[in-house]
Amino acid sequence: MKRHKLRIKVPIGHIETVVEEPDGVPRGLALIAHPHPLKGGSLDNKVAWTLARAALACGLVAVRPNFRGVGDSDGSFDHGIGETEDLLALAAAVASHYGNLPWTLLGFSFGAYVQHRVARELHAERLIMVGPAVSMYEFEANAIPTTIIHGDADEVIPFAAARDYASRHDIPLIAIPGASHFFHGRLRELQAHVERLIYP
């Protein structure tokens, strides 16, 4: 595995990004979005890191940026709007380097909200939303195949809120019994679910 720490140019400046390449020829690209920047979220979040491990295990290039205002990323928090623009620009830059490989979008909590916005404009094979912040932000229907993974003991985003959103939009929901919002002690289980969704 090769790991690169980059600052990728986007319209607002530069976005700090970790790009990890799997062994062998990549099968696709995975864009991974971390939780809320104002609540300690960063590309080093353990759930975001776990999503990257799942992507790499499936032969995808794992692209894990810091949202604007986090770490060495320029700009400041923009409630998901500017963050969406940044990820779209970043994805275009990454695709120009790796060629026409299919995208998988993965987002955790606030990151899932941003990714569901990204999915409206970026052609991707699938969207996997982990603990999506559906009780905090207005999520719409998704235009690409989507799956939700949610802990049924989530203390931040109620499981019932995720279940209701999934039911309303006919989105498959994988419940992890007893798992909290940050999947304490359940990261390997989370990773296994994600790997099965990427390449069953």
Protein backbone atom coordinates (compact mmCIF):
# COMPACT_ATOMS: atom_id res chain seq x y z
CA MET A 1 0.00 0.00 0.00
CA LYS A 2 1.21 3.49 -0.86
CA ARG A 3 0.17 6.48 1.25
CA HIS A 4 0.35 10.10 0.10
CA LYS A 5 -0.46 13.18 2.19
CA LEU A 6 -1.38 15.98 -0.21
CA ARG A 7 -2.88 19.45 -0.31
CA ILE A 8 -5.17 19.35 -3.35
CA LYS A 9 -6.17 22.61 -4.99
CA VAL A 10 -9.89 23.48 -5.03
CA PRO A 11 -11.59 26.85 -5.67
CA ILE A 12 -11.31 28.01 -2.02
CA GLY A 13 -7.62 27.09 -1.73
CA HIS A 14 -6.21 23.70 -0.78
CA ILE A 15 -7.75 20.69 0.94
CA GLU A 16 -5.53 18.41 3.00
CA THR A 17 -6.05 14.87 1.74
CA VAL A 18 -4.65 11.43 2.49
CA VAL A 19 -4.64 9.21 -0.60
CA GLU A 20 -3.92 5.52 -0.03
CA GLU A 21 -3.41 3.13 -2.92
CA PRO A 22 -4.09 -0.60 -2.64
CA ASP A 23 -1.58 -3.21 -3.70
CA GLY A 24 -1.97 -4.11 -7.36
CA VAL A 25 -4.07 -2.36 -9.98
CA PRO A 26 -6.89 -0.28 -8.41
CA ARG A 27 -10.45 -1.39 -9.13
CA GLY A 28 -11.98 1.96 -8.31
CA LEU A 29 -11.87 5.12 -6.21
CA ALA A 30 -13.40 5.68 -2.77
CA LEU A 31 -14.15 9.17 -1.45
CA ILE A 32 -14.49 9.17 2.34
CA ALA A 33 -16.06 12.01 4.34
CA HIS A 34 -15.48 12.48 8.08
CA PRO A 35 -17.89 13.65 10.81
CA HIS A 36 -18.70 17.22 11.89
CA PRO A 37 -15.67 19.57 11.75
CA LEU A 38 -16.88 21.68 14.69
CA LYS A 39 -17.25 18.59 16.89
CA GLY A 40 -13.77 17.21 16.44
CA GLY A 41 -14.28 15.46 13.10
CA SER A 42 -11.24 14.96 10.90
CA LEU A 43 -9.76 12.51 8.42
CA ASP A 44 -8.17 10.76 11.41
CA ASN A 45 -11.58 9.86 12.88
CA LYS A 46 -11.58 6.13 13.57
CA VAL A 47 -14.77 5.46 11.61
CA ALA A 48 -13.43 7.35 8.56
CA TRP A 49 -10.17 5.40 8.95
CA THR A 50 -12.15 2.14 9.07
CA LEU A 51 -14.03 3.07 5.88
CA ALA A 52 -10.66 3.65 4.20
CA ARG A 53 -9.45 0.21 5.35
CA ALA A 54 -12.58 -1.38 3.85
CA ALA A 55 -12.04 0.44 0.55
CA LEU A 56 -8.38 -0.62 0.38
CA ALA A 57 -9.29 -4.24 1.17
CA CYS A 58 -11.61 -4.13 -1.84
CA GLY A 59 -8.89 -2.78 -4.14
CA LEU A 60 -10.04 0.84 -4.17
CA VAL A 61 -7.90 3.96 -3.85
CA ALA A 62 -8.99 5.51 -0.53
CA VAL A 63 -9.27 9.31 -0.71
CA ARG A 64 -9.75 10.84 2.74
CA PRO A 65 -9.85 14.66 2.87
CA ASN A 66 -10.11 17.04 5.79
CA PHE A 67 -13.09 19.33 5.33
CA ARG A 68 -12.39 23.04 4.95
CA GLY A 69 -11.05 24.59 8.14
CA VAL A 70 -9.78 21.26 9.52
CA GLY A 71 -6.07 20.46 9.84
CA ASP A 72 -4.19 21.95 6.90
CA SER A 73 -7.32 22.55 4.80
CA ASP A 74 -8.08 26.16 3.90
CA GLY A 75 -11.41 27.88 4.48
CA SER A 76 -13.97 27.62 7.27
CA PHE A 77 -17.05 25.54 8.05
CA ASP A 78 -19.89 26.08 5.57
CA HIS A 79 -22.74 23.85 6.80
CA GLY A 80 -22.20 21.23 4.11
CA ILE A 81 -22.60 23.56 1.12
CA GLY A 82 -18.98 24.59 0.57
CA GLU A 83 -17.86 21.16 1.75
CA THR A 84 -19.84 19.62 -1.11
CA GLU A 85 -18.20 21.96 -3.63
CA ASP A 86 -14.77 21.08 -2.24
CA LEU A 87 -15.33 17.33 -2.54
CA LEU A 88 -16.59 17.65 -6.10
CA ALA A 89 -13.49 19.66 -7.08
CA LEU A 90 -11.24 17.24 -5.22
CA ALA A 91 -12.86 14.24 -6.92
CA ALA A 92 -12.27 15.83 -10.33
CA ALA A 93 -8.60 16.36 -9.48
CA VAL A 94 -8.19 12.78 -8.27
CA ALA A 95 -9.98 11.34 -11.29
CA SER A 96 -7.68 13.29 -13.62
CA HIS A 97 -4.76 11.38 -12.11
CA TYR A 98 -6.25 7.89 -11.90
CA GLY A 99 -8.39 7.89 -15.01
CA ASN A 100 -11.90 6.63 -15.54
CA LEU A 101 -12.27 4.43 -12.45
CA PRO A 102 -15.68 4.09 -10.78
CA TRP A 103 -16.37 6.03 -7.57
CA THR A 104 -17.74 4.71 -4.29
CA LEU A 105 -18.89 7.41 -1.86
CA LEU A 106 -18.64 6.77 1.88
CA GLY A 107 -19.63 9.21 4.59
CA PHE A 108 -19.98 9.11 8.36
CA SER A 109 -22.48 11.27 10.29
CA PHE A 110 -22.18 14.86 8.91
CA GLY A 111 -19.93 13.36 6.22
CA ALA A 112 -22.87 11.25 5.05
CA TYR A 113 -24.91 14.43 4.61
CA VAL A 114 -22.18 15.96 2.46
CA GLN A 115 -21.80 12.77 0.42
CA HIS A 116 -25.52 12.54 -0.30
CA ARG A 117 -25.18 16.05 -1.77
CA VAL A 118 -22.05 15.06 -3.72
CA ALA A 119 -23.94 12.08 -5.16
CA ARG A 120 -26.31 14.45 -6.99
CA GLU A 121 -23.47 15.68 -9.22
CA LEU A 122 -20.71 13.06 -9.16
CA HIS A 123 -21.34 9.91 -11.15
CA ALA A 124 -20.72 7.13 -8.65
CA GLU A 125 -21.55 3.43 -8.40
CA ARG A 126 -22.80 3.53 -4.83
CA LEU A 127 -23.23 5.60 -1.68
CA ILE A 128 -22.70 4.09 1.77
CA MET A 129 -23.90 6.30 4.62
CA VAL A 130 -22.73 5.33 8.10
CA GLY A 131 -24.64 6.83 11.03
CA PRO A 132 -26.04 9.56 8.75
CA ALA A 133 -27.03 12.74 10.57
CA VAL A 134 -30.64 12.57 9.38
CA SER A 135 -31.97 14.13 12.61
CA MET A 136 -29.71 17.19 12.20
CA TYR A 137 -29.83 17.91 8.45
CA GLU A 138 -32.38 17.73 5.67
CA PHE A 139 -31.59 14.62 3.66
CA GLU A 140 -33.28 14.12 0.30
CA ALA A 141 -33.78 11.02 -1.82
CA ASN A 142 -30.61 9.68 -3.44
CA ALA A 143 -30.13 9.23 -7.16
CA ILE A 144 -27.63 6.36 -6.89
CA PRO A 145 -27.75 2.97 -5.11
CA THR A 146 -27.52 3.75 -1.41
CA THR A 147 -27.19 1.75 1.79
CA ILE A 148 -27.29 2.97 5.40
CA ILE A 149 -25.37 1.33 8.24
CA HIS A 150 -26.48 2.47 11.68
CA GLY A 151 -25.98 1.34 15.25
CA ASP A 152 -29.28 0.64 16.96
CA ALA A 153 -27.85 2.11 20.19
CA ASP A 154 -26.71 5.35 18.51
CA GLU A 155 -26.78 8.07 21.18
CA VAL A 156 -26.22 10.97 18.73
CA ILE A 157 -28.44 10.19 15.73
CA PRO A 158 -31.44 8.13 16.91
CA PHE A 159 -31.77 4.81 15.14
CA ALA A 160 -35.48 5.52 14.66
CA ALA A 161 -34.64 8.62 12.62
CA ALA A 162 -32.39 6.62 10.31
CA ARG A 163 -34.98 3.86 10.03
CA ASP A 164 -37.74 6.34 9.15
CA TYR A 165 -35.59 8.06 6.51
CA ALA A 166 -34.57 4.70 5.02
CA SER A 167 -38.18 3.52 4.93
CA ARG A 168 -39.40 6.76 3.36
CA HIS A 169 -36.91 6.52 0.51
CA ASP A 170 -36.74 2.73 0.17
CA ILE A 171 -33.06 2.58 1.20
CA PRO A 172 -31.64 -0.67 2.57
CA LEU A 173 -30.67 -0.28 6.23
CA ILE A 174 -28.14 -2.48 8.02
CA ALA A 175 -28.56 -2.27 11.79
CA ILE A 176 -25.62 -3.18 14.00
CA PRO A 177 -27.16 -4.32 17.31
CA GLY A 178 -25.83 -2.53 20.37
CA ALA A 179 -23.50 -0.25 18.38
CA SER A 180 -23.08 3.38 19.43
CA HIS A 181 -22.65 6.34 17.09
CA PHE A 182 -18.87 5.90 16.96
CA PHE A 183 -19.10 2.09 16.80
CA HIS A 184 -16.93 1.59 19.90
CA GLY A 185 -15.69 -1.99 19.86
CA ARG A 186 -17.58 -2.67 16.61
CA LEU A 187 -15.27 -1.25 13.94
CA ARG A 188 -14.26 -4.64 12.55
CA GLU A 189 -17.93 -5.54 12.15
CA LEU A 190 -18.56 -2.21 10.44
CA GLN A 191 -15.64 -2.79 8.09
CA ALA A 192 -16.91 -6.24 7.16
CA HIS A 193 -20.34 -4.85 6.28
CA VAL A 194 -18.79 -2.14 4.10
CA GLU A 195 -16.57 -4.62 2.28
CA ARG A 196 -19.57 -6.81 1.47
CA LEU A 197 -21.41 -3.78 0.09
CA ILE A 198 -18.54 -2.73 -2.16
CA TYR A 199 -17.78 -6.17 -3.61
CA PRO A 200 -20.20 -8.84 -2.33
